[in-house]
Amino acid sequence: MLLKRDLLEQIKAGKIDLIFRRWSRPTVKAGGTLKTKIGLLSIKAITDMSPEDVTEADAQRAGFKDVADFRRWLDTMKEGSLFQKIEVGYLGEAE
C-alpha cells in the first residue's frame, strides 16, 4: 500500500489514524505492520464497508474536512471491488 509522505507525517503526528482504500485485493492485514518512508505503521483493524457508510467522524479521522471532501477524493481513486476502512498507528523508526 503506497501512502503519500504528507499523509504519513500526519499519521506519525497522531493527526490521522484512519485511511480508506478501494482495491481488487487487500495488501495489508489487521495486526500486521507496514514499512513506510517514515517508519513502521501498525495495522490495527480493517473493516469492509461501502463508501456510502463513511461518517463525518470517519472522514475527519482520515484527514478530510467532511464527507463531501472524502467523496471528492474518492472520485479520483481507481476502481476496485473492495472498499476498506483501515485503522493505523505509528510504531516508530524502521530498522
N, C-alpha and C. Protein backbone atom coordinates (compact mmCIF):
# COMPACT_ATOMS: atom_id res chain seq x y z
N MET A 1 0.86 -1.16 0.00
CA MET A 1 0.00 0.00 0.00
C MET A 1 0.91 1.23 0.00
N LEU A 2 0.78 2.05 -1.00
CA LEU A 2 1.58 3.27 -1.10
C LEU A 2 0.83 4.42 -0.45
N LEU A 3 1.53 5.13 0.42
CA LEU A 3 0.95 6.28 1.10
C LEU A 3 1.84 7.49 0.85
N LYS A 4 1.21 8.63 0.57
CA LYS A 4 1.97 9.86 0.33
C LYS A 4 2.64 10.33 1.61
N ARG A 5 3.78 10.98 1.42
CA ARG A 5 4.59 11.44 2.56
C ARG A 5 3.80 12.34 3.51
N ASP A 6 3.00 13.26 2.97
CA ASP A 6 2.21 14.16 3.82
C ASP A 6 1.26 13.36 4.71
N LEU A 7 0.62 12.36 4.16
CA LEU A 7 -0.28 11.51 4.94
C LEU A 7 0.51 10.76 6.02
N LEU A 8 1.66 10.23 5.66
CA LEU A 8 2.50 9.52 6.64
C LEU A 8 2.91 10.44 7.78
N GLU A 9 3.27 11.67 7.47
CA GLU A 9 3.67 12.62 8.51
C GLU A 9 2.51 12.91 9.45
N GLN A 10 1.30 12.99 8.91
CA GLN A 10 0.13 13.25 9.75
C GLN A 10 -0.20 12.04 10.63
N ILE A 11 0.02 10.84 10.11
CA ILE A 11 -0.16 9.63 10.93
C ILE A 11 0.87 9.63 12.05
N LYS A 12 2.12 9.93 11.71
CA LYS A 12 3.19 9.97 12.72
C LYS A 12 2.88 10.98 13.82
N ALA A 13 2.32 12.13 13.44
CA ALA A 13 1.99 13.18 14.40
C ALA A 13 0.72 12.87 15.20
N GLY A 14 0.02 11.79 14.85
CA GLY A 14 -1.20 11.43 15.56
C GLY A 14 -2.43 12.18 15.11
N LYS A 15 -2.34 12.90 14.00
CA LYS A 15 -3.48 13.67 13.49
C LYS A 15 -4.44 12.81 12.68
N ILE A 16 -3.93 11.72 12.10
CA ILE A 16 -4.74 10.81 11.30
C ILE A 16 -4.52 9.40 11.83
N ASP A 17 -5.63 8.66 12.02
CA ASP A 17 -5.50 7.27 12.46
C ASP A 17 -6.40 6.34 11.65
N LEU A 18 -6.89 6.84 10.52
CA LEU A 18 -7.80 6.07 9.69
C LEU A 18 -7.50 6.38 8.23
N ILE A 19 -7.44 5.35 7.41
CA ILE A 19 -7.28 5.56 5.97
C ILE A 19 -8.30 4.67 5.25
N PHE A 20 -8.62 5.05 4.04
CA PHE A 20 -9.55 4.29 3.23
C PHE A 20 -8.85 3.80 1.98
N ARG A 21 -9.22 2.60 1.52
CA ARG A 21 -8.66 2.05 0.30
C ARG A 21 -9.76 1.34 -0.49
N ARG A 22 -9.69 1.52 -1.80
CA ARG A 22 -10.56 0.78 -2.72
C ARG A 22 -9.61 0.00 -3.63
N TRP A 23 -9.71 -1.32 -3.62
CA TRP A 23 -8.80 -2.15 -4.39
C TRP A 23 -9.42 -3.48 -4.76
N SER A 24 -8.73 -4.23 -5.60
CA SER A 24 -9.23 -5.54 -6.01
C SER A 24 -8.86 -6.62 -5.00
N ARG A 25 -7.74 -6.41 -4.30
CA ARG A 25 -7.36 -7.32 -3.21
C ARG A 25 -6.53 -6.54 -2.20
N PRO A 26 -6.77 -6.78 -0.91
CA PRO A 26 -6.02 -6.04 0.12
C PRO A 26 -4.55 -6.45 0.15
N THR A 27 -3.72 -5.52 0.57
CA THR A 27 -2.29 -5.80 0.69
C THR A 27 -1.79 -5.70 2.13
N VAL A 28 -2.69 -5.44 3.08
CA VAL A 28 -2.33 -5.40 4.50
C VAL A 28 -3.33 -6.23 5.29
N LYS A 29 -2.91 -6.66 6.49
CA LYS A 29 -3.76 -7.47 7.36
C LYS A 29 -3.83 -6.83 8.74
N ALA A 30 -4.98 -6.95 9.38
CA ALA A 30 -5.14 -6.46 10.74
C ALA A 30 -4.14 -7.18 11.64
N GLY A 31 -3.49 -6.42 12.51
CA GLY A 31 -2.48 -6.96 13.40
C GLY A 31 -1.08 -6.94 12.81
N GLY A 32 -0.98 -6.57 11.54
CA GLY A 32 0.32 -6.53 10.88
C GLY A 32 0.96 -5.16 10.96
N THR A 33 2.07 -5.03 10.26
CA THR A 33 2.77 -3.75 10.18
C THR A 33 3.02 -3.42 8.72
N LEU A 34 3.32 -2.17 8.48
CA LEU A 34 3.63 -1.69 7.14
C LEU A 34 4.87 -0.82 7.23
N LYS A 35 5.92 -1.20 6.50
CA LYS A 35 7.14 -0.41 6.46
C LYS A 35 6.95 0.72 5.45
N THR A 36 7.19 1.97 5.90
CA THR A 36 6.99 3.14 5.05
C THR A 36 8.26 4.00 5.04
N LYS A 37 8.19 5.09 4.31
CA LYS A 37 9.32 6.03 4.21
C LYS A 37 9.68 6.66 5.55
N ILE A 38 8.72 6.73 6.47
CA ILE A 38 8.98 7.40 7.75
C ILE A 38 9.10 6.43 8.93
N GLY A 39 8.88 5.15 8.69
CA GLY A 39 8.95 4.17 9.75
C GLY A 39 7.85 3.14 9.64
N LEU A 40 7.61 2.43 10.74
CA LEU A 40 6.61 1.37 10.75
C LEU A 40 5.25 1.88 11.20
N LEU A 41 4.23 1.42 10.51
CA LEU A 41 2.85 1.66 10.91
C LEU A 41 2.25 0.36 11.40
N SER A 42 1.41 0.44 12.41
CA SER A 42 0.65 -0.73 12.84
C SER A 42 -0.69 -0.71 12.12
N ILE A 43 -1.13 -1.86 11.68
CA ILE A 43 -2.45 -2.01 11.07
C ILE A 43 -3.33 -2.59 12.17
N LYS A 44 -4.09 -1.72 12.80
CA LYS A 44 -4.85 -2.11 13.99
C LYS A 44 -6.12 -2.88 13.66
N ALA A 45 -6.86 -2.41 12.66
CA ALA A 45 -8.12 -3.06 12.30
C ALA A 45 -8.47 -2.72 10.86
N ILE A 46 -9.17 -3.64 10.23
CA ILE A 46 -9.64 -3.44 8.86
C ILE A 46 -11.11 -3.80 8.82
N THR A 47 -11.91 -2.90 8.26
CA THR A 47 -13.35 -3.12 8.16
C THR A 47 -13.78 -3.00 6.71
N ASP A 48 -14.41 -4.06 6.18
CA ASP A 48 -15.02 -3.97 4.85
C ASP A 48 -16.28 -3.12 4.98
N MET A 49 -16.45 -2.21 4.05
CA MET A 49 -17.62 -1.34 4.12
C MET A 49 -17.92 -0.76 2.75
N SER A 50 -18.97 0.01 2.67
CA SER A 50 -19.34 0.74 1.46
C SER A 50 -18.93 2.20 1.65
N PRO A 51 -18.47 2.86 0.59
CA PRO A 51 -18.12 4.28 0.72
C PRO A 51 -19.29 5.13 1.23
N GLU A 52 -20.51 4.69 0.95
CA GLU A 52 -21.69 5.43 1.41
C GLU A 52 -21.84 5.40 2.92
N ASP A 53 -21.16 4.47 3.59
CA ASP A 53 -21.26 4.33 5.05
C ASP A 53 -20.25 5.18 5.81
N VAL A 54 -19.38 5.91 5.10
CA VAL A 54 -18.39 6.76 5.76
C VAL A 54 -19.10 7.91 6.46
N THR A 55 -18.82 8.07 7.75
CA THR A 55 -19.46 9.12 8.55
C THR A 55 -18.58 10.38 8.56
N GLU A 56 -19.14 11.46 9.08
CA GLU A 56 -18.36 12.69 9.24
C GLU A 56 -17.14 12.43 10.13
N ALA A 57 -17.36 11.68 11.22
CA ALA A 57 -16.26 11.38 12.14
C ALA A 57 -15.18 10.56 11.44
N ASP A 58 -15.58 9.56 10.64
CA ASP A 58 -14.61 8.77 9.88
C ASP A 58 -13.81 9.66 8.95
N ALA A 59 -14.49 10.50 8.20
CA ALA A 59 -13.84 11.38 7.23
C ALA A 59 -12.81 12.28 7.93
N GLN A 60 -13.17 12.83 9.08
CA GLN A 60 -12.26 13.72 9.80
C GLN A 60 -11.08 12.95 10.38
N ARG A 61 -11.30 11.73 10.87
CA ARG A 61 -10.18 10.91 11.38
C ARG A 61 -9.19 10.58 10.27
N ALA A 62 -9.68 10.58 9.01
CA ALA A 62 -8.82 10.27 7.86
C ALA A 62 -8.21 11.54 7.25
N GLY A 63 -8.46 12.69 7.88
CA GLY A 63 -7.84 13.93 7.42
C GLY A 63 -8.65 14.76 6.44
N PHE A 64 -9.89 14.37 6.20
CA PHE A 64 -10.76 15.15 5.32
C PHE A 64 -11.56 16.17 6.14
N LYS A 65 -11.96 17.27 5.50
CA LYS A 65 -12.77 18.27 6.20
C LYS A 65 -14.12 17.70 6.57
N ASP A 66 -14.71 16.94 5.66
CA ASP A 66 -16.04 16.38 5.86
C ASP A 66 -16.27 15.27 4.84
N VAL A 67 -17.46 14.69 4.84
CA VAL A 67 -17.77 13.59 3.93
C VAL A 67 -17.70 14.05 2.48
N ALA A 68 -18.13 15.26 2.19
CA ALA A 68 -18.07 15.77 0.81
C ALA A 68 -16.62 15.82 0.32
N ASP A 69 -15.72 16.25 1.17
CA ASP A 69 -14.28 16.28 0.83
C ASP A 69 -13.78 14.85 0.57
N PHE A 70 -14.19 13.91 1.41
CA PHE A 70 -13.84 12.50 1.21
C PHE A 70 -14.35 12.01 -0.14
N ARG A 71 -15.59 12.32 -0.49
CA ARG A 71 -16.17 11.85 -1.76
C ARG A 71 -15.43 12.43 -2.97
N ARG A 72 -15.00 13.67 -2.87
CA ARG A 72 -14.21 14.26 -3.97
C ARG A 72 -12.90 13.49 -4.16
N TRP A 73 -12.25 13.16 -3.04
CA TRP A 73 -11.03 12.36 -3.11
C TRP A 73 -11.31 10.99 -3.71
N LEU A 74 -12.39 10.34 -3.26
CA LEU A 74 -12.73 9.00 -3.73
C LEU A 74 -12.95 8.99 -5.24
N ASP A 75 -13.53 10.04 -5.77
CA ASP A 75 -13.78 10.13 -7.21
C ASP A 75 -12.48 10.12 -8.02
N THR A 76 -11.36 10.45 -7.40
CA THR A 76 -10.07 10.46 -8.11
C THR A 76 -9.35 9.12 -8.01
N MET A 77 -9.85 8.21 -7.19
CA MET A 77 -9.19 6.93 -6.97
C MET A 77 -9.61 5.91 -8.02
N LYS A 78 -8.70 4.96 -8.30
CA LYS A 78 -9.02 3.91 -9.26
C LYS A 78 -10.12 3.01 -8.71
N GLU A 79 -10.80 2.34 -9.62
CA GLU A 79 -11.89 1.44 -9.23
C GLU A 79 -11.35 0.19 -8.58
N GLY A 80 -12.15 -0.42 -7.77
CA GLY A 80 -11.83 -1.68 -7.12
C GLY A 80 -13.10 -2.26 -6.54
N SER A 81 -13.14 -3.56 -6.40
CA SER A 81 -14.36 -4.20 -5.92
C SER A 81 -14.47 -4.21 -4.39
N LEU A 82 -13.37 -3.89 -3.71
CA LEU A 82 -13.33 -3.95 -2.25
C LEU A 82 -13.02 -2.57 -1.68
N PHE A 83 -13.82 -2.11 -0.74
CA PHE A 83 -13.58 -0.83 -0.07
C PHE A 83 -13.39 -1.13 1.41
N GLN A 84 -12.28 -0.61 1.97
CA GLN A 84 -11.98 -0.89 3.36
C GLN A 84 -11.60 0.36 4.13
N LYS A 85 -11.99 0.33 5.40
CA LYS A 85 -11.57 1.33 6.38
C LYS A 85 -10.45 0.67 7.18
N ILE A 86 -9.29 1.34 7.27
CA ILE A 86 -8.12 0.75 7.91
C ILE A 86 -7.65 1.66 9.05
N GLU A 87 -7.65 1.14 10.27
CA GLU A 87 -7.16 1.89 11.42
C GLU A 87 -5.66 1.67 11.54
N VAL A 88 -4.92 2.78 11.64
CA VAL A 88 -3.46 2.71 11.67
C VAL A 88 -2.89 3.50 12.83
N GLY A 89 -1.64 3.23 13.14
CA GLY A 89 -0.91 3.99 14.15
C GLY A 89 0.57 3.94 13.82
N TYR A 90 1.31 4.91 14.32
CA TYR A 90 2.75 4.97 14.09
C TYR A 90 3.45 4.17 15.18
N LEU A 91 4.34 3.26 14.77
CA LEU A 91 5.09 2.43 15.73
C LEU A 91 6.47 2.96 16.02
N GLY A 92 7.11 3.58 15.04
CA GLY A 92 8.47 4.08 15.23
C GLY A 92 9.32 3.87 14.01
N GLU A 93 10.59 4.19 14.16
CA GLU A 93 11.55 4.07 13.05
C GLU A 93 11.67 2.59 12.63
N ALA A 94 11.81 2.39 11.33
CA ALA A 94 12.03 1.03 10.81
C ALA A 94 13.51 0.70 10.95
N GLU A 95 13.80 -0.52 11.26
CA GLU A 95 15.21 -0.92 11.41
C GLU A 95 15.78 -1.45 10.13
